Protein backbone atom coordinates (compact mmCIF):
# COMPACT_ATOMS: atom_id res chain seq x y z
CA MET A 1 -18.36 69.10 147.02
CA GLU A 2 -16.78 72.69 147.51
CA LYS A 3 -13.33 72.71 149.58
CA VAL A 4 -12.89 75.20 152.25
CA LEU A 5 -9.80 74.97 153.83
CA ALA A 6 -9.53 76.88 157.59
CA ILE A 7 -6.68 77.72 159.89
CA VAL A 8 -7.58 77.72 163.67
CA GLY A 9 -6.38 78.15 166.90
CA PRO A 10 -5.81 80.84 169.90
CA THR A 11 -3.88 84.06 169.12
CA ALA A 12 -0.35 84.49 169.32
CA VAL A 13 0.64 80.99 167.10
CA GLY A 14 1.52 82.02 163.49
CA LYS A 15 -1.89 81.47 161.73
CA THR A 16 -1.56 84.56 159.75
CA SER A 17 1.67 84.07 158.43
CA LEU A 18 1.00 80.36 157.66
CA SER A 19 -2.38 81.50 156.11
CA LEU A 20 -0.18 83.87 153.51
CA LYS A 21 1.87 81.01 152.61
CA LEU A 22 -0.59 78.67 152.08
CA ALA A 23 -2.49 81.52 150.25
CA LYS A 24 0.50 81.75 148.10
CA LYS A 25 1.04 78.08 147.35
CA PHE A 26 -2.42 77.53 146.96
CA ASN A 27 -4.11 79.80 144.95
CA GLY A 28 -6.00 80.83 147.98
CA GLU A 29 -8.17 83.89 149.16
CA ILE A 30 -8.43 84.39 152.66
CA ILE A 31 -12.07 85.24 154.44
CA SER A 32 -11.46 86.12 158.57
CA GLY A 33 -13.51 83.72 160.39
CA ASP A 34 -12.94 86.72 163.83
CA SER A 35 -15.80 88.55 164.51
CA MET A 36 -13.78 91.57 165.51
CA GLN A 37 -11.97 92.00 162.57
CA VAL A 38 -15.45 93.12 160.97
CA TYR A 39 -15.33 96.42 162.81
CA GLN A 40 -14.05 99.12 160.65
CA ASN A 41 -11.03 101.32 163.06
CA LEU A 42 -10.37 98.94 165.28
CA ASN A 43 -7.01 97.65 164.15
CA ILE A 44 -4.68 97.22 166.98
CA GLY A 45 -6.60 95.58 169.54
CA THR A 46 -7.95 93.20 166.87
CA ALA A 47 -4.64 92.01 165.41
CA LYS A 48 -6.06 92.69 161.93
CA ILE A 49 -3.95 92.51 158.98
CA SER A 50 -2.62 95.29 157.07
CA ALA A 51 -3.39 96.08 153.40
CA ASP A 52 0.48 95.67 153.08
CA GLU A 53 0.92 92.50 155.46
CA GLN A 54 -1.76 90.90 153.03
CA GLN A 55 0.43 90.59 150.49
CA GLY A 56 -1.47 91.18 147.89
CA ILE A 57 -3.88 87.93 149.10
CA LYS A 58 -7.80 89.31 148.76
CA HIS A 59 -8.58 88.97 151.89
CA HIS A 60 -12.90 89.32 152.87
CA LEU A 61 -15.11 89.93 156.04
CA ILE A 62 -12.28 92.35 157.32
CA ASN A 63 -14.05 95.98 157.96
CA ILE A 64 -17.48 95.36 156.58
CA ARG A 65 -19.12 96.61 159.36
CA GLU A 66 -19.49 100.08 161.68
CA ILE A 67 -18.58 100.00 164.90
CA ASP A 68 -22.79 100.04 165.89
CA GLN A 69 -23.75 97.79 163.43
CA ARG A 70 -24.58 94.10 164.46
CA PHE A 71 -22.39 90.98 163.26
CA SER A 72 -24.10 87.70 164.47
CA VAL A 73 -23.31 84.15 163.84
CA SER A 74 -26.03 83.94 161.65
CA ASP A 75 -24.31 87.27 159.17
CA PHE A 76 -21.26 85.10 159.43
CA LYS A 77 -22.44 81.94 157.74
CA LYS A 78 -24.38 83.89 155.60
CA GLU A 79 -21.52 86.26 154.12
CA ALA A 80 -19.04 83.69 154.42
CA THR A 81 -20.71 80.88 152.26
CA GLU A 82 -21.73 83.59 149.70
CA LYS A 83 -17.20 84.23 149.36
CA ILE A 84 -16.84 80.46 149.71
CA HIS A 85 -19.52 80.31 146.07
CA GLN A 86 -17.25 82.86 144.70
CA ILE A 87 -13.54 82.44 145.64
CA THR A 88 -14.45 78.83 144.58
CA SER A 89 -16.12 79.25 141.01
CA ASP A 90 -13.09 82.15 140.41
CA GLY A 91 -11.09 78.81 140.83
CA HIS A 92 -9.33 79.48 143.57
CA LEU A 93 -9.08 77.92 147.32
CA PRO A 94 -11.34 79.89 150.50
CA ILE A 95 -9.18 79.42 153.40
CA ILE A 96 -11.04 80.25 156.54
CA VAL A 97 -8.67 82.25 159.49
CA GLY A 98 -9.73 82.60 162.97
CA GLY A 99 -10.43 81.69 166.17
CA THR A 100 -14.19 82.36 166.90
CA GLY A 101 -15.26 78.78 167.32
CA PHE A 102 -19.35 79.07 167.21
CA TYR A 103 -18.95 80.95 163.59
CA LEU A 104 -16.93 78.17 162.05
CA GLN A 105 -18.89 75.06 163.28
CA ALA A 106 -22.12 76.94 162.15
CA LEU A 107 -20.26 77.51 158.82
CA LEU A 108 -18.54 74.29 158.61
CA ALA A 109 -21.59 72.39 159.77
CA ASP A 110 -24.11 74.07 158.24
CA LEU A 111 -26.02 74.26 161.94
CA SER A 112 -29.43 75.36 162.18
CA LEU A 113 -29.36 78.95 163.41
CA GLY A 114 -33.55 79.53 163.59
CA ASN A 115 -33.86 83.21 163.35
CA ASP A 116 -30.79 84.16 165.39
CA GLN A 117 -32.33 86.29 168.15
CA TYR A 118 -29.48 88.54 168.59
CA GLU A 119 -28.42 89.36 172.30
CA PRO A 120 -24.25 89.58 172.92
CA ALA A 121 -23.07 86.03 173.50
CA GLU A 122 -21.39 87.14 176.64
CA THR A 123 -24.65 89.35 177.61
CA VAL A 124 -26.15 85.70 177.91
CA ARG A 125 -23.47 83.83 179.23
CA SER A 126 -23.00 86.29 181.95
CA LYS A 127 -26.76 85.66 182.89
CA TRP A 128 -26.50 82.17 183.12
CA HIS A 129 -23.15 82.25 185.13
CA SER A 130 -24.56 84.81 187.41
CA TYR A 131 -27.90 82.33 187.53
CA ALA A 132 -25.76 79.50 188.65
CA LYS A 133 -24.14 81.44 191.18
CA GLU A 134 -27.29 82.91 192.69
CA HIS A 135 -28.88 79.46 192.69
CA SER A 136 -26.73 76.56 191.95
CA GLN A 137 -25.05 74.53 189.39
CA GLU A 138 -27.89 71.84 189.71
CA GLN A 139 -30.70 74.37 189.01
CA LEU A 140 -28.91 75.95 186.06
CA TRP A 141 -28.62 72.33 184.79
CA GLN A 142 -32.40 71.99 185.47
CA LYS A 143 -33.43 74.81 183.48
CA LEU A 144 -31.37 72.91 180.32
CA ASN A 145 -33.30 69.70 181.16
CA ASP A 146 -36.77 71.93 181.00
CA VAL A 147 -36.16 73.34 177.33
CA ASP A 148 -33.74 70.29 176.04
CA PRO A 149 -33.45 67.38 178.07
CA LYS A 150 -32.05 65.54 175.55
CA ALA A 151 -28.65 67.69 175.89
CA ALA A 152 -29.03 67.58 179.63
CA VAL A 153 -28.15 64.36 179.96
CA LYS A 154 -25.43 64.02 178.35
CA ILE A 155 -23.68 67.12 180.30
CA PRO A 156 -23.02 66.96 183.65
CA VAL A 157 -24.34 69.19 186.21
CA THR A 158 -21.02 70.34 187.22
CA ASN A 159 -20.08 71.04 183.60
CA GLU A 160 -21.03 74.28 183.94
CA VAL A 161 -19.39 75.79 180.73
CA ARG A 162 -21.51 72.87 178.70
CA VAL A 163 -24.78 73.59 180.30
CA VAL A 164 -24.46 77.32 179.80
CA ARG A 165 -23.56 76.88 176.06
CA ALA A 166 -26.23 74.31 175.52
CA LEU A 167 -28.57 77.40 177.23
CA GLU A 168 -27.07 80.16 174.90
CA VAL A 169 -27.36 78.00 171.85
CA PHE A 170 -31.38 77.67 172.06
CA GLU A 171 -31.96 81.10 173.57
CA LYS A 172 -29.99 82.98 170.69
CA THR A 173 -31.07 80.65 167.95
CA GLY A 174 -34.41 79.05 169.32
CA GLN A 175 -32.84 75.40 168.11
CA LEU A 176 -32.41 72.57 170.44
CA PHE A 177 -28.45 72.37 171.24
CA SER A 178 -29.18 68.53 171.33
CA GLU A 179 -30.83 68.47 167.72
CA GLN A 180 -27.67 70.73 166.48
CA ASN A 181 -24.93 68.05 167.47
CA ASP A 182 -27.48 65.45 165.84
CA VAL A 183 -28.08 66.95 162.35
CA ASN A 184 -24.60 68.24 162.02
CA LYS A 185 -24.58 68.63 158.11
CA ALA A 186 -21.28 68.72 156.05
CA PRO A 187 -21.79 71.18 153.32
CA TYR A 188 -18.16 71.75 152.57
CA ASP A 189 -15.07 69.29 152.01
CA ALA A 190 -13.08 70.99 154.76
CA LEU A 191 -10.15 70.54 156.27
CA LEU A 192 -8.94 72.00 159.72
CA VAL A 193 -5.36 73.06 160.36
CA GLY A 194 -4.97 73.81 163.76
CA LEU A 195 -2.20 75.74 165.50
CA ASN A 196 -0.93 75.47 168.84
CA THR A 197 2.17 75.68 170.79
CA ASP A 198 3.02 74.72 174.71
CA ARG A 199 0.44 76.93 177.28
CA SER A 200 3.70 78.64 179.28
CA LEU A 201 5.15 79.91 176.06
CA LEU A 202 1.34 80.33 174.29
CA TYR A 203 0.71 82.36 177.36
CA LYS A 204 4.33 84.21 176.95
CA ARG A 205 3.66 85.46 173.65
CA ILE A 206 0.18 86.58 174.15
CA ASP A 207 1.40 88.89 176.93
CA GLN A 208 4.45 89.92 174.42
CA ARG A 209 1.53 90.46 171.69
CA VAL A 210 -0.23 92.70 174.10
CA ASP A 211 2.23 94.71 175.28
CA GLN A 212 3.05 95.27 171.58
CA MET A 213 -0.37 96.62 170.84
CA VAL A 214 0.09 99.06 173.52
CA THR A 215 3.08 100.22 171.86
CA ASP A 216 1.11 100.63 168.78
CA GLY A 217 -1.38 102.60 170.34
CA LEU A 218 -4.17 100.35 171.76
CA GLU A 219 -5.00 103.00 174.29
CA LYS A 220 -5.60 105.61 172.20
CA GLU A 221 -7.92 103.16 169.75
CA ALA A 222 -9.99 101.82 173.09
CA HIS A 223 -10.58 105.71 173.97
CA TRP A 224 -11.59 106.25 170.68
CA LEU A 225 -14.42 103.32 170.90
CA TYR A 226 -15.22 104.47 174.42
CA GLN A 227 -15.76 107.76 173.12
CA ARG A 228 -18.26 106.67 170.85
CA GLY A 229 -20.38 104.05 172.89
CA GLY A 230 -18.16 101.85 174.58
CA VAL A 231 -19.59 98.95 175.90
CA GLN A 232 -22.91 99.68 174.38
CA LEU A 233 -21.95 99.21 170.95
CA PRO A 234 -21.71 95.64 169.48
CA ALA A 235 -18.00 95.95 168.80
CA GLY A 236 -17.21 97.70 172.22
CA LYS A 237 -17.09 94.29 174.31
CA GLY A 238 -13.85 93.03 172.89
CA ILE A 239 -11.46 91.97 175.18
CA GLY A 240 -8.69 94.93 174.60
CA TYR A 241 -11.37 97.79 174.40
CA ARG A 242 -13.78 97.20 177.34
CA GLU A 243 -10.79 96.42 180.03
CA TRP A 244 -9.98 100.55 179.53
CA TYR A 245 -13.20 101.93 180.10
CA PRO A 246 -12.64 101.52 184.16
CA TYR A 247 -9.48 103.98 183.31
CA PHE A 248 -10.88 106.05 180.92
CA GLU A 249 -13.22 106.70 184.30
CA LYS A 250 -10.20 107.26 186.35
CA GLN A 251 -11.16 104.06 188.00
CA ILE A 252 -8.03 101.81 187.94
CA SER A 253 -4.59 102.24 187.05
CA LYS A 254 -3.20 101.92 183.42
CA GLU A 255 -0.84 98.70 185.18
CA LEU A 256 -3.92 97.00 185.73
CA VAL A 257 -5.94 97.30 182.79
CA ILE A 258 -2.91 95.66 180.47
CA ALA A 259 -2.49 92.92 183.17
CA LYS A 260 -6.53 92.51 182.86
CA ILE A 261 -5.89 92.70 179.06
CA LYS A 262 -3.24 89.25 179.10
CA GLN A 263 -5.31 88.22 182.20
CA ASN A 264 -8.40 88.31 179.38
CA SER A 265 -6.67 86.81 176.50
CA ARG A 266 -4.97 84.00 177.78
CA HIS A 267 -8.32 83.07 179.39
CA TYR A 268 -10.11 83.17 176.10
CA ALA A 269 -7.37 81.51 174.16
CA LYS A 270 -7.81 78.60 176.82
CA ARG A 271 -11.66 78.42 175.69
CA GLN A 272 -10.44 78.71 172.46
CA LEU A 273 -8.56 75.60 172.49
CA THR A 274 -11.16 73.34 174.47
CA TRP A 275 -14.14 74.38 171.82
CA PHE A 276 -11.70 72.99 168.92
CA ARG A 277 -10.96 70.48 170.99
CA ASN A 278 -14.55 69.48 171.70
CA LYS A 279 -16.42 70.02 168.81
CA MET A 280 -14.43 69.92 165.32
CA ASN A 281 -11.89 67.40 163.44
CA VAL A 282 -9.16 69.43 163.95
CA ASN A 283 -5.48 68.22 162.57
CA TRP A 284 -3.00 69.78 165.31
CA PHE A 285 0.33 71.72 164.75
CA ASP A 286 3.06 72.99 166.02
CA ILE A 287 5.20 75.76 164.27
CA ILE A 288 6.08 77.94 166.96
CA GLN A 289 8.73 74.92 168.46
CA ARG A 290 8.81 72.86 165.57
CA PRO A 291 8.96 75.43 162.24
CA ASP A 292 9.55 72.12 159.77
CA GLU A 293 5.77 71.08 160.86
CA GLU A 294 4.91 73.67 158.28
CA LYS A 295 6.49 70.93 155.62
CA LYS A 296 4.22 68.93 156.98
CA ILE A 297 0.82 71.53 156.78
CA ILE A 298 1.77 71.94 153.16
CA ALA A 299 2.02 68.14 152.29
CA GLU A 300 -1.45 67.47 154.31
CA VAL A 301 -2.79 70.64 152.18
CA GLN A 302 -1.61 69.33 148.66
CA LYS A 303 -3.03 65.88 149.67
CA TRP A 304 -6.15 67.32 150.37
CA VAL A 305 -6.84 69.47 147.23
CA GLY A 306 -5.61 66.51 144.91
CA GLY A 307 -1.90 67.33 144.05
CA ASN A 308 -3.25 70.35 142.03
């Protein structure tokens, strides 16, 4: 069984730095597990690693799409699978780095994705959250119960996020959420290393990262995207970009844009952590507050690869 190392967690916790160290030590190549880093020309807002920063380590699934091209979970699963086979056959260790939870789960648990009916995930989610607001959580839950009673019975009516997630999976893939959970297969010998830190420190680091992105030219990058279609593009809905569009239309101030990016980034980090804790078997470490934990991670990986 092919081995796959995955480094997961929210933004700004040290995933990139750790991935480079592990790639050097264990002869690895890195596969991006981020749904936005696939897009060319979007470098600052996606925190994309530069060629210099890659330190000679091969990176895959970065800059493989134009901004007007879709990149679905099905695309990721297919292309990442090909890369894993290629890297393994070359005698190297595939290391997936990123925070897009559903992408990683689809790959590592070999979820059946059906026809992968394409509609941006955020559009689907917004629709169902709006439905709950307009009608009620009970009626939203009933929608799920109509299509997937097995999933509905396990999800409380008040857990709107999970109800919406189950509806989203059904709508996007044609597969029942309950069946996906029941038939999770493990095509790889996967080790998941999760990075996290104290929440207040994490949020502070996220805010600092956003400030640095603005200093590095995020506004210019977002304006470039806005001029080419903005929110109408598959790449145009990402955090760090969409918040600028009202500013370019002179509706809000720059200060509010930056505040919104920080807020949305913090909320996304919280959702990422919830996903990984609920859906995947992750070994958690905090290398921000406890740098020595890096040694524990290396020892864990060493043991897992069999001492090679």
